[in-house]
Protein backbone atom coordinates (compact mmCIF):
# COMPACT_ATOMS: atom_id res chain seq x y z
CA MET A 1 2.16 -7.65 -41.24
CA ASN A 2 -0.82 -7.31 -43.69
CA ALA A 3 -2.80 -10.72 -43.93
CA ARG A 4 -3.44 -9.64 -47.79
CA TRP A 5 0.04 -8.80 -48.85
CA ALA A 6 1.57 -11.89 -47.26
CA GLY A 7 -1.23 -13.87 -48.65
CA ALA A 8 -0.75 -12.48 -52.11
CA GLY A 9 2.84 -13.10 -52.19
CA LEU A 10 1.99 -17.19 -51.22
CA VAL A 11 -0.80 -17.45 -54.09
CA THR A 12 2.05 -16.17 -56.24
CA LEU A 13 4.41 -18.50 -55.00
CA GLY A 14 1.65 -21.15 -55.64
CA GLY A 15 1.35 -19.90 -59.10
CA LEU A 16 4.84 -19.72 -60.16
CA THR A 17 4.94 -23.59 -58.47
CA GLY A 18 2.35 -24.67 -60.64
CA PHE A 19 3.84 -23.26 -63.68
CA VAL A 20 7.11 -25.17 -62.79
CA LEU A 21 5.04 -28.57 -62.39
CA VAL A 22 3.39 -27.75 -65.83
CA SER A 23 6.58 -27.21 -67.67
CA HIS A 24 7.82 -30.65 -66.25
CA GLY A 25 4.93 -32.17 -67.79
CA TYR A 26 2.25 -32.67 -64.73
CA GLY A 27 -0.52 -30.97 -66.11
CA PRO A 28 -2.00 -30.13 -69.30
CA SER A 29 0.70 -27.95 -71.18
CA ARG A 30 -1.72 -25.23 -71.96
CA ALA A 31 -2.09 -24.51 -68.29
CA HIS A 32 1.77 -22.89 -68.87
CA LEU A 33 0.74 -19.57 -69.93
CA PRO A 34 -2.34 -19.14 -67.79
CA LEU A 35 -0.70 -19.95 -64.82
CA TYR A 36 2.16 -17.37 -65.83
CA ILE A 37 -0.65 -14.71 -66.16
CA PHE A 38 -2.30 -15.53 -62.83
CA SER A 39 1.19 -15.34 -60.90
CA VAL A 40 1.68 -11.74 -62.47
CA THR A 41 -1.78 -10.94 -61.76
CA VAL A 42 -1.86 -11.84 -58.27
CA HIS A 43 1.32 -9.77 -57.66
CA LEU A 44 -0.64 -6.86 -58.39
CA VAL A 45 -2.59 -7.13 -55.33
CA ALA A 46 0.65 -7.64 -53.09
CA VAL A 47 1.75 -4.32 -54.73
CA LEU A 48 -1.19 -2.40 -54.03
CA ALA A 49 -1.54 -3.77 -50.16
CA SER A 50 2.07 -2.94 -49.91
CA ARG A 51 1.36 0.76 -50.40
CA LYS A 52 0.20 1.03 -46.66
CA LEU A 53 2.47 -1.38 -44.73
CA PRO A 54 4.51 0.17 -42.38
CA ASN A 55 8.26 -1.09 -42.27
CA SER A 56 8.86 -3.89 -39.70
CA ARG A 57 11.74 -6.07 -39.43
CA SER A 58 9.35 -9.46 -39.67
CA ALA A 59 7.76 -7.66 -42.71
CA LEU A 60 11.35 -7.11 -44.43
CA TRP A 61 12.25 -10.80 -43.68
CA PHE A 62 9.23 -12.19 -44.90
CA MET A 63 9.66 -10.12 -48.22
CA VAL A 64 13.20 -11.30 -48.55
CA ALA A 65 12.56 -15.00 -47.78
CA LEU A 66 9.89 -15.52 -50.22
CA ALA A 67 11.96 -13.50 -53.04
CA LEU A 68 14.44 -16.17 -52.58
CA LEU A 69 11.96 -18.68 -52.64
CA LEU A 70 10.24 -17.65 -55.61
CA ARG A 71 13.36 -17.59 -57.50
CA GLY A 72 14.48 -20.96 -56.39
CA VAL A 73 11.20 -22.57 -57.57
CA VAL A 74 11.57 -21.30 -60.92
CA CYS A 75 15.21 -22.49 -61.01
CA PHE A 76 13.99 -25.99 -61.38
CA THR A 77 11.95 -25.39 -64.90
CA PRO A 78 13.67 -27.66 -67.39
CA GLU A 79 16.03 -26.77 -70.49
CA SER A 80 14.14 -24.92 -73.49
CA ARG A 81 15.10 -26.28 -76.99
CA GLU A 82 15.52 -23.01 -78.26
CA ALA A 83 16.60 -19.97 -76.56
CA ASP A 84 18.75 -16.87 -76.40
CA TYR A 85 20.86 -18.29 -73.47
CA TYR A 86 22.57 -20.79 -75.89
CA ARG A 87 23.90 -17.54 -77.32
CA TYR A 88 25.33 -16.25 -74.14
CA MET A 89 26.88 -19.58 -73.22
CA TRP A 90 28.49 -19.64 -76.78
CA ASP A 91 29.90 -16.29 -76.44
CA GLY A 92 31.03 -16.70 -73.33
CA ALA A 93 33.36 -19.91 -73.92
CA LEU A 94 34.93 -17.84 -76.68
CA SER A 95 35.24 -14.50 -74.35
CA ALA A 96 36.74 -16.58 -71.49
CA HIS A 97 39.42 -18.35 -74.13
CA GLY A 98 40.36 -14.76 -75.34
CA VAL A 99 38.24 -15.38 -78.66
CA SER A 100 36.68 -12.33 -79.72
CA PRO A 101 33.09 -13.45 -79.82
CA TYR A 102 32.33 -10.84 -82.78
CA ARG A 103 34.32 -12.56 -85.42
CA PHE A 104 32.52 -15.51 -86.36
CA SER A 105 28.95 -16.55 -86.56
CA PRO A 106 28.01 -19.83 -85.08
CA ALA A 107 27.12 -21.27 -88.64
CA GLN A 108 30.43 -20.31 -89.72
CA ILE A 109 32.06 -22.73 -86.82
CA LEU A 110 29.39 -24.94 -87.51
CA ARG A 111 30.46 -25.40 -91.13
CA GLY A 112 34.31 -25.57 -90.09
CA GLU A 113 34.91 -22.01 -91.71
CA ALA A 114 37.00 -20.65 -88.33
CA ASP A 115 40.45 -20.52 -88.72
CA SER A 116 41.16 -21.03 -85.08
CA ALA A 117 42.17 -24.40 -83.36
CA GLN A 118 40.73 -22.96 -80.12
CA VAL A 119 37.56 -22.05 -81.61
CA ARG A 120 37.24 -25.57 -83.62
CA LEU A 121 38.35 -27.29 -80.03
CA LEU A 122 35.49 -25.23 -78.19
CA ALA A 123 32.89 -26.47 -81.13
CA GLU A 124 33.52 -29.72 -80.45
CA GLU A 125 33.02 -29.14 -76.54
CA GLY A 126 30.00 -27.33 -76.64
CA HIS A 127 28.47 -28.45 -79.94
CA GLN A 128 24.89 -28.96 -78.40
CA VAL A 129 24.84 -25.50 -77.37
CA LEU A 130 26.57 -23.99 -80.28
CA ALA A 131 23.93 -26.10 -82.63
CA ARG A 132 20.99 -24.55 -80.66
CA VAL A 133 22.11 -21.22 -81.03
CA ASN A 134 19.13 -18.77 -82.45
CA HIS A 135 19.91 -17.31 -85.97
CA PRO A 136 23.16 -18.72 -86.38
CA GLU A 137 24.18 -16.84 -89.36
CA LEU A 138 24.39 -14.03 -87.55
CA ARG A 139 27.34 -12.79 -85.29
CA THR A 140 26.56 -11.75 -82.10
CA LEU A 141 25.59 -8.26 -81.18
CA TYR A 142 25.76 -8.25 -77.16
CA PRO A 143 27.83 -5.34 -76.07
CA PRO A 144 31.29 -5.97 -73.93
CA VAL A 145 29.66 -5.83 -70.33
CA ALA A 146 27.23 -8.33 -71.26
CA GLN A 147 29.93 -10.86 -72.82
CA GLY A 148 32.16 -10.23 -69.45
CA LEU A 149 28.85 -11.53 -67.82
CA PHE A 150 28.87 -14.68 -70.22
CA ALA A 151 32.63 -15.28 -69.49
CA LEU A 152 31.88 -15.50 -66.11
CA SER A 153 29.44 -18.10 -66.61
CA TYR A 154 31.57 -20.05 -68.44
CA TRP A 155 34.39 -19.95 -65.72
CA LEU A 156 31.47 -20.93 -63.17
CA GLY A 157 30.52 -24.20 -65.34
CA PRO A 158 31.25 -24.52 -69.16
CA PHE A 159 28.07 -24.48 -71.17
CA SER A 160 25.69 -24.52 -67.87
CA SER A 161 22.68 -22.91 -67.93
CA ASN A 162 22.70 -23.20 -64.30
CA ALA A 163 26.14 -21.22 -63.99
CA TRP A 164 24.31 -18.54 -66.17
CA ARG A 165 21.49 -18.14 -63.54
CA VAL A 166 23.76 -18.02 -60.86
CA VAL A 167 25.51 -15.22 -62.95
CA LEU A 168 21.86 -13.42 -63.14
CA PHE A 169 21.54 -13.60 -59.56
CA LEU A 170 24.51 -11.20 -58.92
CA PRO A 171 22.79 -8.29 -60.81
CA ASP A 172 19.56 -9.21 -59.06
CA LEU A 173 21.09 -9.36 -55.60
CA ALA A 174 22.86 -5.93 -56.24
CA ALA A 175 19.49 -4.43 -57.69
CA GLY A 176 17.72 -5.90 -54.53
CA LEU A 177 20.27 -4.23 -52.32
CA LEU A 178 20.47 -1.00 -54.05
CA ILE A 179 16.60 -0.89 -53.93
CA VAL A 180 16.53 -1.09 -50.19
CA VAL A 181 19.10 1.58 -49.80
CA LEU A 182 17.68 4.09 -51.71
CA LEU A 183 13.69 3.29 -50.27
CA ARG A 184 15.68 4.23 -46.78
CA ARG A 185 17.25 7.19 -48.21
CA ALA A 186 14.11 8.66 -49.59
CA ASN A 187 11.78 7.55 -46.45
CA LEU A 188 9.47 5.20 -48.53
CA PRO A 189 8.06 2.05 -46.91
CA LEU A 190 10.46 -0.91 -47.53
CA ALA A 191 7.39 -3.10 -48.22
CA TRP A 192 7.37 -1.28 -52.05
CA ALA A 193 10.28 -3.11 -52.70
CA VAL A 194 7.98 -6.28 -53.69
CA THR A 195 7.13 -4.36 -56.84
CA PHE A 196 10.69 -5.87 -58.03
CA LEU A 197 11.59 -8.58 -55.37
CA TRP A 198 8.35 -10.70 -56.13
CA ASN A 199 7.63 -9.47 -59.29
CA PRO A 200 6.73 -13.18 -61.45
CA LEU A 201 7.45 -11.44 -64.99
CA LEU A 202 10.96 -10.81 -63.38
CA ILE A 203 11.38 -14.10 -62.33
CA VAL A 204 10.26 -15.94 -65.03
CA GLU A 205 11.85 -14.16 -67.84
CA THR A 206 15.46 -14.16 -65.88
CA TYR A 207 15.32 -17.73 -63.85
CA HIS A 208 13.21 -19.49 -66.39
CA TYR A 209 13.77 -18.08 -69.76
CA ARG A 210 17.36 -16.76 -68.63
CA HIS A 211 17.39 -13.54 -70.53
CA LEU A 212 20.01 -10.87 -69.91
CA ASP A 213 18.12 -7.87 -69.52
CA LEU A 214 18.16 -8.02 -65.48
CA ALA A 215 21.79 -7.19 -65.77
CA LEU A 216 20.99 -3.58 -66.57
CA ALA A 217 18.90 -3.07 -63.46
CA PRO A 218 21.94 -2.02 -60.98
CA PHE A 219 23.23 0.37 -63.67
CA LEU A 220 20.06 1.91 -63.89
CA LEU A 221 19.59 2.13 -60.04
CA LEU A 222 23.20 3.85 -59.85
CA PHE A 223 21.92 6.29 -62.85
CA LEU A 224 19.15 7.05 -60.95
CA LEU A 225 20.80 7.57 -57.46
CA GLY A 226 23.43 9.89 -59.44
CA LEU A 227 20.84 12.04 -61.01
CA TRP A 228 18.67 12.23 -57.94
CA LYS A 229 21.59 13.09 -55.58
CA GLN A 230 23.27 15.23 -58.23
CA ARG A 231 26.98 12.90 -58.91
CA PRO A 232 27.71 13.33 -62.23
CA TYR A 233 30.59 10.89 -62.21
CA MET A 234 28.20 8.13 -60.56
CA ALA A 235 25.39 8.97 -63.48
CA ALA A 236 28.05 9.01 -66.30
CA ALA A 237 29.73 5.62 -65.27
CA ALA A 238 26.29 3.91 -64.44
CA LEU A 239 25.03 5.17 -67.76
CA ALA A 240 28.07 3.85 -69.93
CA GLY A 241 27.77 0.39 -67.78
CA ALA A 242 24.16 0.14 -68.99
CA VAL A 243 24.76 1.04 -72.67
CA ALA A 244 27.68 -1.85 -72.36
CA VAL A 245 25.15 -4.56 -71.23
CA LYS A 246 22.46 -3.52 -73.88
CA LEU A 247 22.49 -0.71 -76.39
CA TRP A 248 18.79 0.77 -75.89
CA PRO A 249 20.13 2.95 -72.72
CA VAL A 250 21.84 5.03 -75.07
CA LEU A 251 18.54 7.04 -75.08
CA LEU A 252 18.88 8.23 -71.55
CA VAL A 253 21.88 10.71 -72.26
CA PRO A 254 19.52 13.58 -72.63
CA PHE A 255 19.08 12.76 -68.84
CA LEU A 256 22.67 12.96 -68.32
CA ALA A 257 22.88 16.55 -70.19
CA ILE A 258 19.57 18.11 -68.55
CA GLY A 259 19.87 16.28 -65.30
CA PHE A 260 23.33 18.78 -64.65
CA TRP A 261 21.71 21.50 -66.56
CA GLY A 262 21.91 23.86 -63.91
CA CYS A 263 25.71 23.17 -63.29
CA ARG A 264 27.17 23.56 -66.34
CA ALA A 265 30.72 22.32 -65.12
CA ARG A 266 28.81 18.98 -63.48
CA MET A 267 27.28 18.40 -67.22
CA ILE A 268 30.42 18.73 -68.78
CA LYS A 269 32.17 16.39 -66.58
CA SER A 270 29.38 13.93 -66.86
CA LEU A 271 29.16 14.05 -70.69
CA LEU A 272 32.74 13.55 -71.13
CA LEU A 273 33.38 10.83 -68.61
CA PHE A 274 30.35 9.31 -70.22
CA ALA A 275 31.93 9.45 -73.68
CA VAL A 276 35.42 8.38 -72.42
CA LEU A 277 34.04 5.27 -70.74
CA LEU A 278 31.83 4.30 -73.67
CA GLY A 279 34.49 4.48 -75.91
CA ILE A 280 37.19 2.34 -73.76
CA LEU A 281 34.36 -0.47 -73.02
CA PHE A 282 33.40 -0.66 -76.72
CA ILE A 283 36.74 -1.21 -78.44
CA PRO A 284 36.29 -4.69 -78.99
CA TYR A 285 32.69 -4.14 -79.98
CA TRP A 286 33.07 -2.08 -83.38
CA THR A 287 34.41 -5.21 -85.18
CA SER A 288 30.51 -6.38 -84.73
CA MET A 289 29.53 -3.65 -87.11
CA GLY A 290 31.52 -5.05 -90.19
CA SER A 291 30.33 -7.15 -92.93
CA GLU A 292 26.96 -6.47 -92.70
CA ALA A 293 25.71 -9.49 -94.34
CA ASN A 294 26.16 -11.33 -90.87
CA SER A 295 26.10 -8.60 -88.54
CA GLY A 296 23.73 -9.21 -85.44
CA THR A 297 23.87 -5.64 -84.86
CA VAL A 298 23.20 -4.45 -88.34
CA ALA A 299 20.33 -7.05 -88.86
CA TYR A 300 18.75 -6.14 -85.59
CA ALA A 301 18.43 -2.27 -86.31
CA LYS A 302 17.54 -2.91 -89.76
CA LYS A 303 15.16 -5.39 -89.71
CA TRP A 304 14.00 -7.01 -86.41
CA ASP A 305 10.46 -6.75 -85.68
CA ALA A 306 8.26 -8.71 -83.51
CA ASN A 307 4.57 -7.94 -81.82
CA GLU A 308 4.95 -4.32 -82.85
CA PHE A 309 1.61 -2.19 -83.02
CA ALA A 310 2.37 1.72 -83.40
CA PHE A 311 5.47 0.85 -85.52
CA ARG A 312 3.62 -0.03 -88.40
CA LEU A 313 2.77 3.66 -88.97
CA PHE A 314 6.57 4.38 -88.94
CA GLU A 315 7.44 1.93 -91.52
CA PRO A 316 5.67 3.51 -94.31
CA LEU A 317 6.31 6.79 -93.54
CA GLY A 318 10.21 5.81 -93.61
CA ILE A 319 9.91 4.02 -96.66
CA SER A 320 7.94 6.92 -98.48
CA ILE A 321 10.83 9.52 -97.21
CA SER A 322 13.56 7.35 -98.58
CA ARG A 323 11.92 7.33 -101.85
CA GLN A 324 12.23 11.07 -102.04
CA LEU A 325 15.75 11.23 -100.84
CA PRO A 326 18.88 11.82 -103.61
CA LEU A 327 20.68 8.77 -102.30
CA THR A 328 19.69 5.10 -102.08
CA VAL A 329 18.72 4.20 -98.69
CA ASP A 330 16.58 1.57 -97.11
CA GLY A 331 13.21 2.54 -96.33
CA ARG A 332 13.38 0.15 -93.00
CA ILE A 333 16.57 2.18 -91.70
CA VAL A 334 14.86 5.49 -92.40
CA SER A 335 11.91 4.55 -90.28
CA ARG A 336 14.19 3.18 -87.20
CA ALA A 337 16.09 6.86 -87.77
CA ILE A 338 12.83 8.60 -87.38
CA LEU A 339 11.57 6.44 -84.27
CA PHE A 340 15.43 7.02 -82.66
CA ALA A 341 15.01 10.86 -82.92
CA LEU A 342 11.54 10.89 -81.56
CA LEU A 343 12.56 8.78 -78.78
CA LEU A 344 15.58 11.05 -78.17
CA GLY A 345 13.11 13.63 -77.73
CA GLY A 346 10.93 11.97 -75.49
CA SER A 347 13.87 11.34 -73.46
CA ALA A 348 14.52 14.79 -73.06
CA TRP A 349 11.25 15.67 -72.67
CA PHE A 350 10.93 13.06 -69.57
CA ALA A 351 14.38 14.58 -68.24
CA PHE A 352 13.31 18.27 -68.22
CA LEU A 353 9.84 17.19 -66.19
CA ALA A 354 11.80 15.38 -63.54
CA ALA A 355 15.13 17.58 -63.52
CA ARG A 356 16.20 18.11 -59.81
CA ARG A 357 13.12 16.79 -58.31
CA GLU A 358 12.38 13.82 -55.61
CA LEU A 359 13.57 10.14 -56.30
CA GLY A 360 9.93 9.22 -57.80
CA SER A 361 9.60 11.81 -60.19
CA VAL A 362 13.09 11.11 -61.22
CA ALA A 363 12.25 7.20 -61.23
CA LEU A 364 9.23 7.74 -63.10
CA ALA A 365 10.70 9.75 -66.16
CA LEU A 366 13.17 7.30 -66.33
CA ALA A 367 10.54 4.10 -66.35
CA ASN A 368 8.59 6.29 -69.16
CA LEU A 369 11.48 5.61 -71.89
CA PRO A 370 11.52 2.23 -71.81
CA LEU A 371 7.64 2.08 -71.80
CA LEU A 372 7.42 4.33 -74.63
CA MET A 373 10.33 2.63 -76.52
CA LEU A 374 8.33 -0.71 -76.53
CA LEU A 375 5.11 0.97 -77.57
CA ALA A 376 6.50 2.80 -80.58
CA GLY A 377 9.35 0.34 -81.37
CA PRO A 378 9.84 -2.58 -83.85
CA THR A 379 10.16 -5.49 -81.05
CA VAL A 380 8.25 -5.95 -78.15
CA TYR A 381 9.02 -8.84 -76.02
CA PRO A 382 8.24 -9.41 -72.05
CA TRP A 383 11.75 -9.59 -71.21
CA TYR A 384 12.45 -6.04 -72.55
CA PHE A 385 10.16 -4.81 -69.65
CA VAL A 386 12.24 -6.12 -66.76
CA PRO A 387 14.79 -3.27 -66.39
CA ALA A 388 11.97 -0.73 -65.94
CA LEU A 389 10.72 -2.82 -63.03
CA ALA A 390 13.61 -2.02 -61.12
CA LEU A 391 12.44 1.55 -61.10
CA ALA A 392 8.76 0.42 -59.93
CA PRO A 393 9.41 0.52 -55.76
CA PHE A 394 9.78 4.17 -56.05
CA LEU A 395 6.57 4.76 -57.58
CA ARG A 396 3.73 6.17 -55.52
CA ARG A 397 1.36 5.11 -58.09
CA PRO A 398 3.30 2.46 -60.40
CA SER A 399 0.67 1.92 -63.06
CA PHE A 400 2.97 0.57 -65.85
CA LEU A 401 3.00 -2.88 -63.44
CA PHE A 402 -0.66 -3.39 -64.54
CA TRP A 403 0.79 -3.90 -68.32
CA ALA A 404 2.38 -6.89 -67.40
CA PRO A 405 -0.20 -9.55 -67.71
CA LEU A 406 -1.22 -7.89 -71.06
CA LEU A 407 2.60 -7.85 -71.91
CA VAL A 408 2.77 -11.78 -71.57
CA LEU A 409 0.05 -12.54 -74.21
CA THR A 410 2.75 -11.62 -76.95
CA TYR A 411 3.76 -14.98 -76.55
CA LEU A 412 0.36 -15.93 -78.31
CA SER A 413 0.99 -13.55 -81.24
CA ARG A 414 2.39 -16.32 -83.37
CA SER A 415 -0.56 -18.80 -82.98
CA ALA A 416 -3.19 -16.36 -82.46
CA PRO A 417 -6.16 -16.73 -85.37
CA ASN A 418 -6.30 -12.67 -85.22
CA ALA A 419 -2.76 -11.44 -84.23
CA LEU A 420 -3.39 -7.74 -84.85
CA PHE A 421 -6.26 -7.81 -82.46
CA LEU A 422 -4.09 -9.28 -79.79
CA LEU A 423 -1.38 -6.93 -80.33
CA ALA A 424 -4.07 -4.12 -80.18
CA LEU A 425 -5.32 -5.55 -76.75
CA VAL A 426 -1.82 -5.51 -75.58
CA HIS A 427 -0.61 -2.26 -76.83
CA ILE A 428 -3.59 0.22 -76.34
CA PRO A 429 -3.72 -0.03 -72.65
CA ALA A 430 -0.25 0.52 -72.11
CA TRP A 431 -0.38 3.97 -74.15
CA ALA A 432 -3.20 4.96 -71.57
CA ILE A 433 -1.02 3.93 -68.77
CA LEU A 434 1.84 6.12 -70.14
CA THR A 435 -0.38 8.77 -70.73
CA LEU A 436 -1.46 8.85 -66.84
CA GLN A 437 2.50 8.37 -66.05
CA ILE A 438 3.23 11.69 -68.00
CA GLY A 439 0.27 13.11 -65.94
CA ASP A 440 1.80 12.15 -62.75
CA LEU A 441 5.33 13.73 -63.57
CA TYR A 442 3.38 17.18 -64.10
CA ARG A 443 1.20 16.70 -61.09
CA HIS A 444 3.47 15.09 -58.40
CA GLY A 445 7.07 16.58 -59.38
CA VAL A 446 8.69 18.29 -56.11
CA LYS A 447 11.85 20.37 -56.33
CA THR A 448 14.57 18.77 -54.22
CA ASP A 449 17.85 20.27 -53.08
CA ALA A 450 19.62 17.01 -53.41
């Protein structure tokens, strides 16, 4: 076993242990973020050391044991006063009782406007959770598969954030197993799995902040497997499931078309199955689009922004174009429509570069899309990067992992004296990383007869 690899893993554990202690008030509160960044940075040493580590049973068991220990330690962090998971718990309570979570906003329920005795009873039982939901004036925007996970959390423990942690561990475990299987099938070192299993960004955002995004990981991995091995039904079902967890994977549809372009029958079957499954899965969701005034989906699509950098160029462009249109259209919608079209074009380009190539090239092409989406888009949060981490174990040069320490700095954007300078520090190196990864796609793509 490589001493530097194991040592970096143990130091990462030490950093996260300090993070947990500081969150409980042991030590200066300002050390919270530096310890997070320190852990993410030290993890990169383990990633580099894993590049030449041969497969061995002892290394595998050490890797798995430390992965579990890292997650277990971070689960000791206390509750947050304001966090997204309060929305998850409230939505889960409604779904578990057969009430559409898309019907009422938390603010409506708190004002007693819900015309359902069941909802009023739940509001009394879960008042502390309901009162802490972010943006209570908006109805939920989370798609149906995500709602199923929220409901499962409620069934395991009503209004319990620890029950939600247990639910999050299920896709985490599934993703870890899929990564090991894929590494074996591609004859890649199993130690490369530390890019996912030991990743502090993934662990903190999932088990401390308790964000949903990790639930995408197994769907993205199955999508990757379907593309690599040319299995259209697997790829289509996995992509539909991913979109039903969070909406952004719809940008990966070009991979579905171009990935099976060599066999038109497979391509048509995959696109048809994707469309049918998506239509079925989203039957409950369309009500979230109505009544624009309090629709979370519409609000997010129209005006949400945070930690953006390049998008500041799109917004004036959209406003300028909207003024030239014969109809009255919000410039913010136009700017986001332009961005969506460009991202679809980027997705098609990446898909073309990786079509029918080896596993690493397909994974790299898929990973480039969320990176581009974050760099060009209006909302940049560290947890949005988590699903892409599931693709890192298959990359011979996982350059985009080096963005993680900078990405954590976005937590300072609200308090930084010069937020634009901070965001430039976060974004500009990532554009260089994306350029490097696109170059890797051109240089190292190898055709495969999967």
